[in-house]
Amino acid sequence: MATLDPDRSYFDVTSFETDLSSMLGALVEVVPRGPGVEVEEAEPLSDLRGAA
């Protein structure tokens, strides 16, 4: 879940997903916050560090 800067587009999100997926070697999907996006947030990633 991400909050986009006003000057960012979905092309920026796709580019970010691709870059981060390459770096992590795992699929990354970013969901921009906004109207119609209802997602219950789970624990922050900082709480999950070392859990794997």
PDB file of N, CA and C in Angstrom:
ATOM      1  N   MET A   1       0.863  -1.149   0.000  1.00  0.00           N
ATOM      2  CA  MET A   1       0.000   0.000   0.000  1.00  0.00           C
ATOM      3  C   MET A   1       0.918   1.222   0.000  1.00  0.00           C
ATOM      4  N   ALA A   2       0.633   2.139  -0.900  1.00  0.00           N
ATOM      5  CA  ALA A   2       1.494   3.315  -1.027  1.00  0.00           C
ATOM      6  C   ALA A   2       0.657   4.565  -1.252  1.00  0.00           C
ATOM      7  N   THR A   3       1.164   5.664  -0.763  1.00  0.00           N
ATOM      8  CA  THR A   3       0.571   6.958  -1.044  1.00  0.00           C
ATOM      9  C   THR A   3       1.438   7.616  -2.110  1.00  0.00           C
ATOM     10  N   LEU A   4       0.829   7.941  -3.247  1.00  0.00           N
ATOM     11  CA  LEU A   4       1.588   8.517  -4.350  1.00  0.00           C
ATOM     12  C   LEU A   4       1.656  10.034  -4.234  1.00  0.00           C
ATOM     13  N   ASP A   5       2.794  10.582  -4.623  1.00  0.00           N
ATOM     14  CA  ASP A   5       2.910  12.030  -4.756  1.00  0.00           C
ATOM     15  C   ASP A   5       1.986  12.460  -5.883  1.00  0.00           C
ATOM     16  N   PRO A   6       1.450  13.679  -5.810  1.00  0.00           N
ATOM     17  CA  PRO A   6       0.501  14.146  -6.831  1.00  0.00           C
ATOM     18  C   PRO A   6       1.057  14.100  -8.260  1.00  0.00           C
ATOM     19  N   ASP A   7       2.371  14.233  -8.422  1.00  0.00           N
ATOM     20  CA  ASP A   7       2.947  14.244  -9.770  1.00  0.00           C
ATOM     21  C   ASP A   7       3.334  12.849 -10.277  1.00  0.00           C
ATOM     22  N   ARG A   8       2.979  11.801  -9.541  1.00  0.00           N
ATOM     23  CA  ARG A   8       3.290  10.429  -9.955  1.00  0.00           C
ATOM     24  C   ARG A   8       2.123   9.809 -10.690  1.00  0.00           C
ATOM     25  N   SER A   9       2.429   8.833 -11.577  1.00  0.00           N
ATOM     26  CA  SER A   9       1.389   8.172 -12.352  1.00  0.00           C
ATOM     27  C   SER A   9       1.482   6.661 -12.130  1.00  0.00           C
ATOM     28  N   TYR A  10       0.541   5.946 -12.729  1.00  0.00           N
ATOM     29  CA  TYR A  10       0.584   4.486 -12.632  1.00  0.00           C
ATOM     30  C   TYR A  10       1.791   3.915 -13.370  1.00  0.00           C
ATOM     31  N   PHE A  11       2.339   4.646 -14.338  1.00  0.00           N
ATOM     32  CA  PHE A  11       3.567   4.222 -14.994  1.00  0.00           C
ATOM     33  C   PHE A  11       4.720   4.206 -13.996  1.00  0.00           C
ATOM     34  N   ASP A  12       4.750   5.182 -13.103  1.00  0.00           N
ATOM     35  CA  ASP A  12       5.773   5.226 -12.054  1.00  0.00           C
ATOM     36  C   ASP A  12       5.626   4.025 -11.116  1.00  0.00           C
ATOM     37  N   VAL A  13       4.385   3.682 -10.783  1.00  0.00           N
ATOM     38  CA  VAL A  13       4.131   2.535  -9.895  1.00  0.00           C
ATOM     39  C   VAL A  13       4.627   1.257 -10.551  1.00  0.00           C
ATOM     40  N   THR A  14       4.313   1.073 -11.827  1.00  0.00           N
ATOM     41  CA  THR A  14       4.737  -0.129 -12.549  1.00  0.00           C
ATOM     42  C   THR A  14       6.256  -0.215 -12.617  1.00  0.00           C
ATOM     43  N   SER A  15       6.901   0.900 -12.878  1.00  0.00           N
ATOM     44  CA  SER A  15       8.366   0.928 -12.926  1.00  0.00           C
ATOM     45  C   SER A  15       8.959   0.574 -11.564  1.00  0.00           C
ATOM     46  N   PHE A  16       8.384   1.120 -10.494  1.00  0.00           N
ATOM     47  CA  PHE A  16       8.838   0.827  -9.133  1.00  0.00           C
ATOM     48  C   PHE A  16       8.671  -0.657  -8.813  1.00  0.00           C
ATOM     49  N   GLU A  17       7.512  -1.218  -9.170  1.00  0.00           N
ATOM     50  CA  GLU A  17       7.266  -2.643  -8.927  1.00  0.00           C
ATOM     51  C   GLU A  17       8.305  -3.508  -9.638  1.00  0.00           C
ATOM     52  N   THR A  18       8.567  -3.185 -10.898  1.00  0.00           N
ATOM     53  CA  THR A  18       9.536  -3.948 -11.690  1.00  0.00           C
ATOM     54  C   THR A  18      10.933  -3.865 -11.082  1.00  0.00           C
ATOM     55  N   ASP A  19      11.371  -2.659 -10.754  1.00  0.00           N
ATOM     56  CA  ASP A  19      12.702  -2.470 -10.164  1.00  0.00           C
ATOM     57  C   ASP A  19      12.834  -3.203  -8.833  1.00  0.00           C
ATOM     58  N   LEU A  20      11.845  -3.049  -7.968  1.00  0.00           N
ATOM     59  CA  LEU A  20      11.913  -3.673  -6.649  1.00  0.00           C
ATOM     60  C   LEU A  20      11.838  -5.196  -6.750  1.00  0.00           C
ATOM     61  N   SER A  21      11.007  -5.704  -7.657  1.00  0.00           N
ATOM     62  CA  SER A  21      10.914  -7.151  -7.868  1.00  0.00           C
ATOM     63  C   SER A  21      12.268  -7.719  -8.307  1.00  0.00           C
ATOM     64  N   SER A  22      12.955  -6.994  -9.186  1.00  0.00           N
ATOM     65  CA  SER A  22      14.281  -7.432  -9.650  1.00  0.00           C
ATOM     66  C   SER A  22      15.289  -7.453  -8.510  1.00  0.00           C
ATOM     67  N   MET A  23      15.260  -6.425  -7.687  1.00  0.00           N
ATOM     68  CA  MET A  23      16.206  -6.344  -6.563  1.00  0.00           C
ATOM     69  C   MET A  23      15.955  -7.427  -5.522  1.00  0.00           C
ATOM     70  N   LEU A  24      14.679  -7.695  -5.244  1.00  0.00           N
ATOM     71  CA  LEU A  24      14.328  -8.653  -4.188  1.00  0.00           C
ATOM     72  C   LEU A  24      14.235 -10.088  -4.681  1.00  0.00           C
ATOM     73  N   GLY A  25      14.108 -10.258  -5.989  1.00  0.00           N
ATOM     74  CA  GLY A  25      13.938 -11.595  -6.534  1.00  0.00           C
ATOM     75  C   GLY A  25      12.580 -12.187  -6.168  1.00  0.00           C
ATOM     76  N   ALA A  26      11.592 -11.330  -5.989  1.00  0.00           N
ATOM     77  CA  ALA A  26      10.238 -11.764  -5.620  1.00  0.00           C
ATOM     78  C   ALA A  26       9.239 -10.801  -6.242  1.00  0.00           C
ATOM     79  N   LEU A  27       8.030 -11.298  -6.457  1.00  0.00           N
ATOM     80  CA  LEU A  27       6.978 -10.458  -7.016  1.00  0.00           C
ATOM     81  C   LEU A  27       6.581  -9.375  -6.019  1.00  0.00           C
ATOM     82  N   VAL A  28       6.530  -8.141  -6.495  1.00  0.00           N
ATOM     83  CA  VAL A  28       6.095  -7.014  -5.669  1.00  0.00           C
ATOM     84  C   VAL A  28       4.897  -6.376  -6.356  1.00  0.00           C
ATOM     85  N   GLU A  29       3.833  -6.177  -5.611  1.00  0.00           N
ATOM     86  CA  GLU A  29       2.658  -5.481  -6.126  1.00  0.00           C
ATOM     87  C   GLU A  29       2.367  -4.299  -5.217  1.00  0.00           C
ATOM     88  N   VAL A  30       2.277  -3.128  -5.804  1.00  0.00           N
ATOM     89  CA  VAL A  30       2.006  -1.906  -5.058  1.00  0.00           C
ATOM     90  C   VAL A  30       0.558  -1.506  -5.306  1.00  0.00           C
ATOM     91  N   VAL A  31      -0.175  -1.233  -4.243  1.00  0.00           N
ATOM     92  CA  VAL A  31      -1.555  -0.780  -4.342  1.00  0.00           C
ATOM     93  C   VAL A  31      -1.595   0.672  -3.891  1.00  0.00           C
ATOM     94  N   PRO A  32      -1.841   1.590  -4.839  1.00  0.00           N
ATOM     95  CA  PRO A  32      -1.924   2.997  -4.451  1.00  0.00           C
ATOM     96  C   PRO A  32      -3.158   3.248  -3.589  1.00  0.00           C
ATOM     97  N   ARG A  33      -2.998   4.062  -2.554  1.00  0.00           N
ATOM     98  CA  ARG A  33      -4.144   4.467  -1.740  1.00  0.00           C
ATOM     99  C   ARG A  33      -5.010   5.401  -2.575  1.00  0.00           C
ATOM    100  N   GLY A  34      -6.297   5.366  -2.321  1.00  0.00           N
ATOM    101  CA  GLY A  34      -7.169   6.290  -3.026  1.00  0.00           C
ATOM    102  C   GLY A  34      -8.610   5.864  -2.917  1.00  0.00           C
ATOM    103  N   PRO A  35      -9.481   6.627  -3.530  1.00  0.00           N
ATOM    104  CA  PRO A  35     -10.907   6.301  -3.493  1.00  0.00           C
ATOM    105  C   PRO A  35     -11.159   4.924  -4.100  1.00  0.00           C
ATOM    106  N   GLY A  36     -11.968   4.141  -3.437  1.00  0.00           N
ATOM    107  CA  GLY A  36     -12.303   2.814  -3.934  1.00  0.00           C
ATOM    108  C   GLY A  36     -11.317   1.733  -3.561  1.00  0.00           C
ATOM    109  N   VAL A  37     -10.232   2.103  -2.891  1.00  0.00           N
ATOM    110  CA  VAL A  37      -9.233   1.119  -2.471  1.00  0.00           C
ATOM    111  C   VAL A  37      -9.431   0.876  -0.989  1.00  0.00           C
ATOM    112  N   GLU A  38      -9.993  -0.272  -0.681  1.00  0.00           N
ATOM    113  CA  GLU A  38     -10.234  -0.610   0.716  1.00  0.00           C
ATOM    114  C   GLU A  38      -9.406  -1.833   1.069  1.00  0.00           C
ATOM    115  N   VAL A  39      -8.338  -1.598   1.808  1.00  0.00           N
ATOM    116  CA  VAL A  39      -7.435  -2.670   2.210  1.00  0.00           C
ATOM    117  C   VAL A  39      -7.194  -2.534   3.698  1.00  0.00           C
ATOM    118  N   GLU A  40      -7.377  -3.616   4.413  1.00  0.00           N
ATOM    119  CA  GLU A  40      -7.039  -3.594   5.835  1.00  0.00           C
ATOM    120  C   GLU A  40      -5.533  -3.751   5.959  1.00  0.00           C
ATOM    121  N   GLU A  41      -4.927  -2.822   6.652  1.00  0.00           N
ATOM    122  CA  GLU A  41      -3.481  -2.877   6.795  1.00  0.00           C
ATOM    123  C   GLU A  41      -3.094  -3.874   7.865  1.00  0.00           C
ATOM    124  N   ALA A  42      -2.050  -4.618   7.577  1.00  0.00           N
ATOM    125  CA  ALA A  42      -1.526  -5.599   8.515  1.00  0.00           C
ATOM    126  C   ALA A  42      -0.368  -4.974   9.284  1.00  0.00           C
ATOM    127  N   GLU A  43       0.431  -5.808   9.898  1.00  0.00           N
ATOM    128  CA  GLU A  43       1.579  -5.326  10.659  1.00  0.00           C
ATOM    129  C   GLU A  43       2.574  -4.657   9.725  1.00  0.00           C
ATOM    130  N   PRO A  44       3.238  -3.602  10.174  1.00  0.00           N
ATOM    131  CA  PRO A  44       4.280  -2.978   9.347  1.00  0.00           C
ATOM    132  C   PRO A  44       5.410  -3.958   9.082  1.00  0.00           C
ATOM    133  N   LEU A  45       6.091  -3.786   7.945  1.00  0.00           N
ATOM    134  CA  LEU A  45       7.200  -4.677   7.609  1.00  0.00           C
ATOM    135  C   LEU A  45       8.294  -4.685   8.656  1.00  0.00           C
ATOM    136  N   SER A  46       8.498  -3.557   9.343  1.00  0.00           N
ATOM    137  CA  SER A  46       9.554  -3.491  10.350  1.00  0.00           C
ATOM    138  C   SER A  46       9.328  -4.521  11.451  1.00  0.00           C
ATOM    139  N   ASP A  47       8.059  -4.878  11.712  1.00  0.00           N
ATOM    140  CA  ASP A  47       7.755  -5.877  12.728  1.00  0.00           C
ATOM    141  C   ASP A  47       7.991  -7.294  12.233  1.00  0.00           C
ATOM    142  N   LEU A  48       8.142  -7.467  10.920  1.00  0.00           N
ATOM    143  CA  LEU A  48       8.282  -8.793  10.346  1.00  0.00           C
ATOM    144  C   LEU A  48       9.730  -9.129  10.004  1.00  0.00           C
ATOM    145  N   ARG A  49      10.626  -8.206  10.202  1.00  0.00           N
ATOM    146  CA  ARG A  49      12.013  -8.431   9.853  1.00  0.00           C
ATOM    147  C   ARG A  49      12.552  -9.666  10.560  1.00  0.00           C
ATOM    148  N   GLY A  50      13.156 -10.554   9.786  1.00  0.00           N
ATOM    149  CA  GLY A  50      13.737 -11.766  10.358  1.00  0.00           C
ATOM    150  C   GLY A  50      12.736 -12.863  10.595  1.00  0.00           C
ATOM    151  N   ALA A  51      11.473 -12.674  10.215  1.00  0.00           N
ATOM    152  CA  ALA A  51      10.450 -13.692  10.455  1.00  0.00           C
ATOM    153  C   ALA A  51      10.561 -14.861   9.503  1.00  0.00           C
ATOM    154  N   ALA A  52      11.183 -14.642   8.335  1.00  0.00           N
ATOM    155  CA  ALA A  52      11.247 -15.712   7.328  1.00  0.00           C
ATOM    156  C   ALA A  52      12.368 -16.673   7.604  1.00  0.00           C
TER     157      ALA A  52
END
